[in-house]
Each structure stands twice: as C-alpha cells, then as structure tokens.
Amino acid sequence: MGWEELCSKRALLAIIVWVWMFLGSISTIALIAYVKGVPLVFEQIINMLSNEPYLASYGEVVGVGDLPLIITMLCKDDLKMYGLKREKLVRSMLLFTIDPINSCYICFKNNFRRHGI
C-alpha cells in the first residue's frame, strides 16, 4: 500500500492517529524509563515523571504531535483545510508568540525573585 492509496483512506488514518496517540505516548515514556534504568513498573515510572516532569513532554510530542504532522506532509494536504492561510498570517503568528513570551518572562521573573536577583 503506497502513500497515495493510504492518504485517500482518511478514516483509516484517523484510526491510526488515535491508536498512536495512546501507544506512542506510552511507548515513548517506557523507552525513556528503560534508557534511564527505571524498572518498567507503573509506580516507578510515575515517580520518574514526578521527579523529572519535563520527560512527560517527550511522550506528548511523539504521541500526539509528530504523526499528524508527518501524515500532513506526506499526503501533501492543503493547509487551508486546517485553517492556515496567508491572509492575516503575520497577525496570527504574532498572537501565537505572545503567550510563550509572556510565560518565559513570568518564569524568569519568578526564578530571579527566588534567588534574590
């Protein structure tokens, strides 16, 4: 089955993405635990994620973000289908960057206060 044939079966792609959303996240977190030498026991993995919460974001990115993006690129979807168009793109991108910039500012400000700077 080639990409053209697979891309024409949108229902199948949706099912694959839903299954991957769960299996991809779980397998990524399990792989991280294995590499770090953490036993593959639920409580141990939760403890690892509690001690290093940033590791959970890897499971999120791989499990939720990567596959739909890969499918979109390989199927050469029209980005207008997802609401992305050139009209008002600059305004949209500026609004998109406000929240991360604000979050970084607050984080740095709180971190400096904690250290007395």
N, C-alpha and C. Protein backbone atom coordinates (compact mmCIF):
# COMPACT_ATOMS: atom_id res chain seq x y z
N MET A 1 0.85 -1.17 0.00
CA MET A 1 0.00 0.00 0.00
C MET A 1 0.90 1.23 0.00
N GLY A 2 0.79 2.05 -1.05
CA GLY A 2 1.59 3.26 -1.16
C GLY A 2 0.96 4.41 -0.41
N TRP A 3 1.71 5.52 -0.33
CA TRP A 3 1.23 6.69 0.40
C TRP A 3 -0.02 7.28 -0.25
N GLU A 4 -0.07 7.27 -1.59
CA GLU A 4 -1.23 7.84 -2.27
C GLU A 4 -2.49 7.08 -1.90
N GLU A 5 -2.40 5.76 -1.88
CA GLU A 5 -3.55 4.93 -1.54
C GLU A 5 -3.93 5.12 -0.06
N LEU A 6 -2.92 5.17 0.81
CA LEU A 6 -3.17 5.36 2.24
C LEU A 6 -3.77 6.74 2.52
N CYS A 7 -3.28 7.75 1.82
CA CYS A 7 -3.78 9.12 2.03
C CYS A 7 -5.24 9.26 1.61
N SER A 8 -5.69 8.43 0.68
CA SER A 8 -7.08 8.51 0.24
C SER A 8 -8.03 7.89 1.26
N LYS A 9 -7.51 7.13 2.21
CA LYS A 9 -8.34 6.48 3.23
C LYS A 9 -8.24 7.26 4.53
N ARG A 10 -8.97 8.38 4.60
CA ARG A 10 -8.90 9.29 5.76
C ARG A 10 -9.38 8.64 7.04
N ALA A 11 -10.41 7.78 6.96
CA ALA A 11 -10.92 7.13 8.17
C ALA A 11 -9.85 6.23 8.78
N LEU A 12 -9.14 5.51 7.94
CA LEU A 12 -8.05 4.64 8.43
C LEU A 12 -6.94 5.47 9.06
N LEU A 13 -6.60 6.59 8.43
CA LEU A 13 -5.57 7.48 9.00
C LEU A 13 -6.01 8.02 10.36
N ALA A 14 -7.28 8.37 10.49
CA ALA A 14 -7.78 8.87 11.77
C ALA A 14 -7.67 7.81 12.86
N ILE A 15 -7.99 6.57 12.52
CA ILE A 15 -7.87 5.47 13.48
C ILE A 15 -6.41 5.25 13.86
N ILE A 16 -5.53 5.29 12.88
CA ILE A 16 -4.10 5.11 13.15
C ILE A 16 -3.59 6.20 14.09
N VAL A 17 -4.01 7.44 13.86
CA VAL A 17 -3.58 8.55 14.72
C VAL A 17 -4.11 8.37 16.14
N TRP A 18 -5.37 7.95 16.28
CA TRP A 18 -5.94 7.74 17.61
C TRP A 18 -5.22 6.62 18.35
N VAL A 19 -4.94 5.52 17.67
CA VAL A 19 -4.22 4.41 18.31
C VAL A 19 -2.81 4.87 18.69
N TRP A 20 -2.15 5.57 17.77
CA TRP A 20 -0.79 6.04 18.04
C TRP A 20 -0.76 7.04 19.19
N MET A 21 -1.83 7.83 19.35
CA MET A 21 -1.86 8.81 20.43
C MET A 21 -1.66 8.12 21.78
N PHE A 22 -2.22 6.95 21.95
CA PHE A 22 -2.07 6.22 23.20
C PHE A 22 -0.80 5.38 23.22
N LEU A 23 -0.60 4.58 22.19
CA LEU A 23 0.57 3.70 22.16
C LEU A 23 1.88 4.46 22.03
N GLY A 24 1.88 5.52 21.25
CA GLY A 24 3.10 6.32 21.06
C GLY A 24 3.56 6.98 22.34
N SER A 25 2.62 7.55 23.08
CA SER A 25 2.96 8.20 24.35
C SER A 25 3.48 7.18 25.36
N ILE A 26 2.77 6.08 25.48
CA ILE A 26 3.16 5.04 26.44
C ILE A 26 4.52 4.44 26.07
N SER A 27 4.70 4.12 24.79
CA SER A 27 5.96 3.50 24.40
C SER A 27 7.14 4.48 24.53
N THR A 28 6.91 5.75 24.27
CA THR A 28 7.99 6.74 24.42
C THR A 28 8.39 6.87 25.88
N ILE A 29 7.41 6.97 26.78
CA ILE A 29 7.72 7.06 28.21
C ILE A 29 8.39 5.78 28.70
N ALA A 30 7.94 4.63 28.21
CA ALA A 30 8.58 3.36 28.59
C ALA A 30 10.01 3.29 28.09
N LEU A 31 10.25 3.77 26.88
CA LEU A 31 11.61 3.78 26.34
C LEU A 31 12.52 4.70 27.16
N ILE A 32 12.01 5.86 27.53
CA ILE A 32 12.79 6.78 28.37
C ILE A 32 13.12 6.12 29.71
N ALA A 33 12.13 5.47 30.31
CA ALA A 33 12.36 4.78 31.59
C ALA A 33 13.40 3.69 31.44
N TYR A 34 13.33 2.94 30.36
CA TYR A 34 14.29 1.86 30.12
C TYR A 34 15.70 2.41 29.97
N VAL A 35 15.84 3.49 29.21
CA VAL A 35 17.16 4.10 28.99
C VAL A 35 17.73 4.65 30.30
N LYS A 36 16.86 5.22 31.14
CA LYS A 36 17.31 5.77 32.42
C LYS A 36 17.52 4.69 33.48
N GLY A 37 17.18 3.44 33.16
CA GLY A 37 17.38 2.35 34.11
C GLY A 37 16.28 2.22 35.15
N VAL A 38 15.12 2.83 34.88
CA VAL A 38 13.98 2.76 35.79
C VAL A 38 13.21 1.47 35.47
N PRO A 39 12.87 0.69 36.49
CA PRO A 39 12.08 -0.53 36.23
C PRO A 39 10.75 -0.18 35.58
N LEU A 40 10.31 -1.02 34.66
CA LEU A 40 9.06 -0.76 33.94
C LEU A 40 7.85 -1.17 34.80
N VAL A 41 7.73 -0.52 35.93
CA VAL A 41 6.63 -0.71 36.86
C VAL A 41 5.91 0.64 36.94
N PHE A 42 4.59 0.61 36.92
CA PHE A 42 3.80 1.83 36.88
C PHE A 42 4.22 2.84 37.94
N GLU A 43 4.37 2.40 39.18
CA GLU A 43 4.72 3.32 40.27
C GLU A 43 6.10 3.94 40.06
N GLN A 44 7.04 3.16 39.55
CA GLN A 44 8.39 3.66 39.31
C GLN A 44 8.40 4.70 38.18
N ILE A 45 7.62 4.43 37.15
CA ILE A 45 7.55 5.38 36.02
C ILE A 45 6.89 6.68 36.47
N ILE A 46 5.83 6.58 37.26
CA ILE A 46 5.18 7.78 37.78
C ILE A 46 6.15 8.55 38.67
N ASN A 47 6.93 7.86 39.47
CA ASN A 47 7.93 8.50 40.32
C ASN A 47 8.98 9.22 39.47
N MET A 48 9.43 8.57 38.38
CA MET A 48 10.40 9.19 37.48
C MET A 48 9.82 10.47 36.88
N LEU A 49 8.56 10.41 36.44
CA LEU A 49 7.93 11.59 35.85
C LEU A 49 7.66 12.68 36.88
N SER A 50 7.44 12.29 38.13
CA SER A 50 7.24 13.28 39.19
C SER A 50 8.54 14.01 39.50
N ASN A 51 9.65 13.27 39.48
CA ASN A 51 10.95 13.87 39.77
C ASN A 51 11.47 14.70 38.60
N GLU A 52 11.15 14.28 37.38
CA GLU A 52 11.59 14.99 36.18
C GLU A 52 10.40 15.18 35.25
N PRO A 53 9.52 16.14 35.56
CA PRO A 53 8.27 16.29 34.80
C PRO A 53 8.46 16.66 33.33
N TYR A 54 9.60 17.23 32.97
CA TYR A 54 9.83 17.59 31.57
C TYR A 54 9.88 16.36 30.67
N LEU A 55 10.17 15.18 31.24
CA LEU A 55 10.22 13.97 30.43
C LEU A 55 8.86 13.61 29.85
N ALA A 56 7.79 13.99 30.53
CA ALA A 56 6.44 13.70 30.03
C ALA A 56 6.17 14.41 28.71
N SER A 57 6.81 15.56 28.50
CA SER A 57 6.57 16.30 27.26
C SER A 57 7.07 15.53 26.04
N TYR A 58 8.10 14.70 26.20
CA TYR A 58 8.57 13.89 25.08
C TYR A 58 7.49 12.92 24.63
N GLY A 59 6.81 12.30 25.57
CA GLY A 59 5.71 11.40 25.23
C GLY A 59 4.58 12.14 24.54
N GLU A 60 4.31 13.36 25.00
CA GLU A 60 3.27 14.17 24.37
C GLU A 60 3.62 14.51 22.93
N VAL A 61 4.85 14.97 22.72
CA VAL A 61 5.25 15.39 21.38
C VAL A 61 5.23 14.21 20.42
N VAL A 62 5.81 13.09 20.82
CA VAL A 62 5.85 11.93 19.95
C VAL A 62 4.46 11.33 19.76
N GLY A 63 3.72 11.20 20.86
CA GLY A 63 2.43 10.54 20.78
C GLY A 63 1.34 11.35 20.13
N VAL A 64 1.38 12.65 20.29
CA VAL A 64 0.28 13.48 19.80
C VAL A 64 0.70 14.35 18.62
N GLY A 65 1.88 14.92 18.66
CA GLY A 65 2.25 15.92 17.66
C GLY A 65 2.88 15.41 16.40
N ASP A 66 3.72 14.41 16.48
CA ASP A 66 4.51 14.02 15.33
C ASP A 66 3.73 13.34 14.22
N LEU A 67 2.94 12.35 14.54
CA LEU A 67 2.28 11.57 13.50
C LEU A 67 1.32 12.38 12.64
N PRO A 68 0.43 13.21 13.21
CA PRO A 68 -0.42 14.03 12.34
C PRO A 68 0.38 14.96 11.43
N LEU A 69 1.47 15.51 11.95
CA LEU A 69 2.30 16.39 11.13
C LEU A 69 2.96 15.61 9.99
N ILE A 70 3.46 14.43 10.30
CA ILE A 70 4.09 13.59 9.26
C ILE A 70 3.06 13.22 8.19
N ILE A 71 1.87 12.83 8.62
CA ILE A 71 0.81 12.46 7.66
C ILE A 71 0.45 13.66 6.80
N THR A 72 0.33 14.83 7.41
CA THR A 72 0.00 16.04 6.66
C THR A 72 1.06 16.33 5.59
N MET A 73 2.33 16.17 5.95
CA MET A 73 3.41 16.44 4.99
C MET A 73 3.47 15.38 3.90
N LEU A 74 3.35 14.10 4.27
CA LEU A 74 3.45 13.03 3.28
C LEU A 74 2.25 13.01 2.33
N CYS A 75 1.07 13.35 2.84
CA CYS A 75 -0.13 13.37 1.99
C CYS A 75 -0.27 14.69 1.24
N LYS A 76 0.63 15.63 1.51
CA LYS A 76 0.64 16.93 0.85
C LYS A 76 -0.72 17.61 0.95
N ASP A 77 -1.26 17.63 2.17
CA ASP A 77 -2.55 18.24 2.41
C ASP A 77 -2.49 19.74 2.17
N ASP A 78 -3.61 20.29 1.73
CA ASP A 78 -3.74 21.73 1.59
C ASP A 78 -3.90 22.31 2.99
N LEU A 79 -3.00 23.19 3.40
CA LEU A 79 -3.02 23.72 4.76
C LEU A 79 -4.25 24.58 5.04
N LYS A 80 -4.95 25.03 3.99
CA LYS A 80 -6.19 25.76 4.19
C LYS A 80 -7.24 24.87 4.85
N MET A 81 -7.09 23.57 4.67
CA MET A 81 -8.00 22.61 5.27
C MET A 81 -7.95 22.70 6.80
N TYR A 82 -6.80 23.12 7.34
CA TYR A 82 -6.60 23.24 8.77
C TYR A 82 -6.73 24.68 9.25
N GLY A 83 -7.18 25.56 8.38
CA GLY A 83 -7.37 26.96 8.75
C GLY A 83 -6.13 27.81 8.59
N LEU A 84 -5.09 27.29 7.96
CA LEU A 84 -3.86 28.06 7.75
C LEU A 84 -3.88 28.66 6.35
N LYS A 85 -3.85 29.98 6.29
CA LYS A 85 -3.80 30.67 5.01
C LYS A 85 -2.94 31.90 5.15
N ARG A 86 -2.52 32.44 4.03
CA ARG A 86 -1.61 33.58 4.04
C ARG A 86 -2.29 34.84 4.55
N GLU A 87 -3.58 34.94 4.37
CA GLU A 87 -4.32 36.11 4.81
C GLU A 87 -4.22 36.25 6.33
N LYS A 88 -3.75 37.38 6.81
CA LYS A 88 -3.59 37.68 8.23
C LYS A 88 -2.62 36.72 8.94
N LEU A 89 -1.67 36.16 8.20
CA LEU A 89 -0.72 35.20 8.78
C LEU A 89 0.20 35.88 9.78
N VAL A 90 0.69 37.07 9.46
CA VAL A 90 1.62 37.78 10.36
C VAL A 90 0.93 38.09 11.68
N ARG A 91 -0.30 38.57 11.61
CA ARG A 91 -1.05 38.87 12.84
C ARG A 91 -1.25 37.61 13.66
N SER A 92 -1.60 36.54 13.00
CA SER A 92 -1.83 35.27 13.69
C SER A 92 -0.55 34.77 14.37
N MET A 93 0.58 34.87 13.68
CA MET A 93 1.86 34.41 14.24
C MET A 93 2.26 35.29 15.43
N LEU A 94 2.02 36.58 15.35
CA LEU A 94 2.33 37.46 16.48
C LEU A 94 1.49 37.10 17.70
N LEU A 95 0.21 36.85 17.49
CA LEU A 95 -0.65 36.46 18.61
C LEU A 95 -0.23 35.10 19.16
N PHE A 96 0.23 34.22 18.29
CA PHE A 96 0.67 32.89 18.70
C PHE A 96 1.90 32.96 19.60
N THR A 97 2.78 33.95 19.38
CA THR A 97 4.02 34.03 20.15
C THR A 97 3.87 34.82 21.44
N ILE A 98 2.77 35.53 21.64
CA ILE A 98 2.61 36.33 22.85
C ILE A 98 2.60 35.47 24.10
N ASP A 99 1.83 34.39 24.10
CA ASP A 99 1.71 33.55 25.29
C ASP A 99 3.05 32.91 25.70
N PRO A 100 3.79 32.27 24.77
CA PRO A 100 5.09 31.71 25.19
C PRO A 100 6.06 32.77 25.70
N ILE A 101 6.07 33.94 25.07
CA ILE A 101 6.97 35.01 25.53
C ILE A 101 6.56 35.46 26.92
N ASN A 102 5.27 35.63 27.14
CA ASN A 102 4.77 36.03 28.45
C ASN A 102 5.09 34.97 29.49
N SER A 103 4.91 33.70 29.14
CA SER A 103 5.20 32.61 30.08
C SER A 103 6.68 32.58 30.45
N CYS A 104 7.56 32.78 29.46
CA CYS A 104 9.01 32.80 29.74
C CYS A 104 9.36 33.97 30.64
N TYR A 105 8.75 35.12 30.39
CA TYR A 105 9.01 36.30 31.22
C TYR A 105 8.62 36.03 32.67
N ILE A 106 7.43 35.48 32.87
CA ILE A 106 6.97 35.18 34.23
C ILE A 106 7.87 34.16 34.91
N CYS A 107 8.28 33.14 34.15
CA CYS A 107 9.16 32.11 34.71
C CYS A 107 10.50 32.71 35.14
N PHE A 108 11.12 33.52 34.28
CA PHE A 108 12.40 34.13 34.62
C PHE A 108 12.25 35.08 35.79
N LYS A 109 11.17 35.85 35.79
CA LYS A 109 10.94 36.82 36.86
C LYS A 109 10.81 36.09 38.21
N ASN A 110 10.03 35.02 38.24
CA ASN A 110 9.86 34.25 39.47
C ASN A 110 11.15 33.57 39.90
N ASN A 111 11.91 33.09 38.93
CA ASN A 111 13.18 32.43 39.23
C ASN A 111 14.18 33.44 39.81
N PHE A 112 14.22 34.65 39.26
CA PHE A 112 15.13 35.67 39.78
C PHE A 112 14.73 36.07 41.18
N ARG A 113 13.43 36.18 41.45
CA ARG A 113 12.97 36.53 42.80
C ARG A 113 13.38 35.46 43.79
N ARG A 114 13.25 34.21 43.39
CA ARG A 114 13.58 33.10 44.28
C ARG A 114 15.06 33.15 44.67
N HIS A 115 15.91 33.60 43.76
CA HIS A 115 17.34 33.65 44.02
C HIS A 115 17.79 35.02 44.51
N GLY A 116 16.84 35.92 44.73
CA GLY A 116 17.17 37.24 45.28
C GLY A 116 17.82 38.17 44.30
N ILE A 117 17.57 37.98 43.02
CA ILE A 117 18.17 38.85 41.99
C ILE A 117 17.18 39.93 41.61
